Amino acid sequence: LQGLRSFSATSPTPIVSTLQGKIAALAKEKSPLFQSLRKEYADVSLGEATIGACIGGARGIKCILSETSLLDPMDGITYRGRT
């Protein structure tokens, strides 16, 4: 099985641990912003939707979802079809 990368499901690699730490820190930093945004502006209209509906997962509103990246375990990350 030469040329194949191995991935461990039990312990993350150092880069994964680093990324997880950075994402956790960013989430901790941004969480109060989203909480205050939701509290103060949840009922503000964005056309047919409200800010609260957008932050809360866009349930029940018409919207467009754009998938700009794909993370494949073998090929790595792909942005808009390019590696």
C-alpha atoms as a PDB file:
ATOM      1  CA  LEU A   1       0.000   0.000   0.000  1.00  0.00           C
ATOM      2  CA  GLN A   2       2.759   2.382  -0.928  1.00  0.00           C
ATOM      3  CA  GLY A   3       1.794   5.986  -1.530  1.00  0.00           C
ATOM      4  CA  LEU A   4      -1.325   5.893   0.634  1.00  0.00           C
ATOM      5  CA  ARG A   5      -1.563   8.161   3.624  1.00  0.00           C
ATOM      6  CA  SER A   6      -2.772   6.667   6.876  1.00  0.00           C
ATOM      7  CA  PHE A   7      -5.220   8.509   9.105  1.00  0.00           C
ATOM      8  CA  SER A   8      -5.789   7.721  12.754  1.00  0.00           C
ATOM      9  CA  ALA A   9      -9.317   8.075  14.056  1.00  0.00           C
ATOM     10  CA  THR A  10      -8.156   7.920  17.679  1.00  0.00           C
ATOM     11  CA  SER A  11      -5.653  10.773  17.994  1.00  0.00           C
ATOM     12  CA  PRO A  12      -5.515  13.925  15.875  1.00  0.00           C
ATOM     13  CA  THR A  13      -2.321  14.950  14.151  1.00  0.00           C
ATOM     14  CA  PRO A  14      -0.490  18.034  15.464  1.00  0.00           C
ATOM     15  CA  ILE A  15      -1.899  20.209  12.673  1.00  0.00           C
ATOM     16  CA  VAL A  16      -5.440  19.040  13.419  1.00  0.00           C
ATOM     17  CA  SER A  17      -4.927  19.799  17.106  1.00  0.00           C
ATOM     18  CA  THR A  18      -3.619  23.252  16.188  1.00  0.00           C
ATOM     19  CA  LEU A  19      -6.587  23.932  13.910  1.00  0.00           C
ATOM     20  CA  GLN A  20      -9.053  22.696  16.528  1.00  0.00           C
ATOM     21  CA  GLY A  21      -7.490  25.037  19.071  1.00  0.00           C
ATOM     22  CA  LYS A  22      -7.674  27.993  16.698  1.00  0.00           C
ATOM     23  CA  ILE A  23     -11.302  27.249  15.809  1.00  0.00           C
ATOM     24  CA  ALA A  24     -12.224  26.900  19.501  1.00  0.00           C
ATOM     25  CA  ALA A  25     -10.522  30.228  20.301  1.00  0.00           C
ATOM     26  CA  LEU A  26     -12.273  31.949  17.400  1.00  0.00           C
ATOM     27  CA  ALA A  27     -15.635  30.497  18.442  1.00  0.00           C
ATOM     28  CA  LYS A  28     -15.074  31.700  22.011  1.00  0.00           C
ATOM     29  CA  GLU A  29     -14.221  35.164  20.677  1.00  0.00           C
ATOM     30  CA  LYS A  30     -17.169  35.396  18.255  1.00  0.00           C
ATOM     31  CA  SER A  31     -19.842  33.786  20.447  1.00  0.00           C
ATOM     32  CA  PRO A  32     -20.681  36.962  22.414  1.00  0.00           C
ATOM     33  CA  LEU A  33     -20.989  38.889  19.142  1.00  0.00           C
ATOM     34  CA  PHE A  34     -23.533  36.423  17.746  1.00  0.00           C
ATOM     35  CA  GLN A  35     -25.406  36.297  21.049  1.00  0.00           C
ATOM     36  CA  SER A  36     -25.748  40.087  21.180  1.00  0.00           C
ATOM     37  CA  LEU A  37     -26.618  40.237  17.486  1.00  0.00           C
ATOM     38  CA  ARG A  38     -29.358  37.669  18.009  1.00  0.00           C
ATOM     39  CA  LYS A  39     -30.636  39.378  21.176  1.00  0.00           C
ATOM     40  CA  GLU A  40     -30.718  42.914  19.764  1.00  0.00           C
ATOM     41  CA  TYR A  41     -31.631  42.328  16.118  1.00  0.00           C
ATOM     42  CA  ALA A  42     -33.385  38.946  15.877  1.00  0.00           C
ATOM     43  CA  ASP A  43     -36.643  40.525  14.675  1.00  0.00           C
ATOM     44  CA  VAL A  44     -35.049  42.853  12.087  1.00  0.00           C
ATOM     45  CA  SER A  45     -36.289  42.014   8.608  1.00  0.00           C
ATOM     46  CA  LEU A  46     -34.027  40.955   5.756  1.00  0.00           C
ATOM     47  CA  GLY A  47     -36.737  40.882   3.145  1.00  0.00           C
ATOM     48  CA  GLU A  48     -38.891  37.836   3.893  1.00  0.00           C
ATOM     49  CA  ALA A  49     -36.513  36.544   6.580  1.00  0.00           C
ATOM     50  CA  THR A  50     -35.213  37.961   9.837  1.00  0.00           C
ATOM     51  CA  ILE A  51     -31.706  38.089  11.257  1.00  0.00           C
ATOM     52  CA  GLY A  52     -32.817  35.598  13.895  1.00  0.00           C
ATOM     53  CA  ALA A  53     -33.903  33.114  11.220  1.00  0.00           C
ATOM     54  CA  CYS A  54     -30.569  33.469   9.396  1.00  0.00           C
ATOM     55  CA  ILE A  55     -28.477  32.992  12.523  1.00  0.00           C
ATOM     56  CA  GLY A  56     -30.734  30.171  13.703  1.00  0.00           C
ATOM     57  CA  GLY A  57     -30.157  27.998  10.654  1.00  0.00           C
ATOM     58  CA  ALA A  58     -32.443  29.453   7.943  1.00  0.00           C
ATOM     59  CA  ARG A  59     -35.262  27.013   8.677  1.00  0.00           C
ATOM     60  CA  GLY A  60     -38.447  27.815   6.812  1.00  0.00           C
ATOM     61  CA  ILE A  61     -36.989  30.509   4.561  1.00  0.00           C
ATOM     62  CA  LYS A  62     -35.938  30.440   0.941  1.00  0.00           C
ATOM     63  CA  CYS A  63     -32.209  30.820   0.510  1.00  0.00           C
ATOM     64  CA  ILE A  64     -29.247  29.716  -1.571  1.00  0.00           C
ATOM     65  CA  LEU A  65     -26.560  27.502  -0.090  1.00  0.00           C
ATOM     66  CA  SER A  66     -23.157  27.805  -1.722  1.00  0.00           C
ATOM     67  CA  GLU A  67     -20.657  25.004  -1.148  1.00  0.00           C
ATOM     68  CA  THR A  68     -17.277  26.572  -1.851  1.00  0.00           C
ATOM     69  CA  SER A  69     -14.969  23.932  -0.411  1.00  0.00           C
ATOM     70  CA  LEU A  70     -14.656  20.185   0.060  1.00  0.00           C
ATOM     71  CA  LEU A  71     -12.361  18.384   2.469  1.00  0.00           C
ATOM     72  CA  ASP A  72     -11.427  14.955   1.164  1.00  0.00           C
ATOM     73  CA  PRO A  73      -9.307  12.706   3.442  1.00  0.00           C
ATOM     74  CA  MET A  74      -7.124  11.568   0.538  1.00  0.00           C
ATOM     75  CA  ASP A  75      -6.981  14.590  -1.791  1.00  0.00           C
ATOM     76  CA  GLY A  76      -7.101  17.362   0.803  1.00  0.00           C
ATOM     77  CA  ILE A  77      -9.111  20.558   0.563  1.00  0.00           C
ATOM     78  CA  THR A  78     -10.661  21.669  -2.699  1.00  0.00           C
ATOM     79  CA  TYR A  79     -12.028  25.169  -3.304  1.00  0.00           C
ATOM     80  CA  ARG A  80     -14.530  25.464  -6.120  1.00  0.00           C
ATOM     81  CA  GLY A  81     -13.171  22.375  -7.828  1.00  0.00           C
ATOM     82  CA  ARG A  82      -9.512  23.371  -7.580  1.00  0.00           C
ATOM     83  CA  THR A  83      -6.896  21.915  -5.253  1.00  0.00           C
END
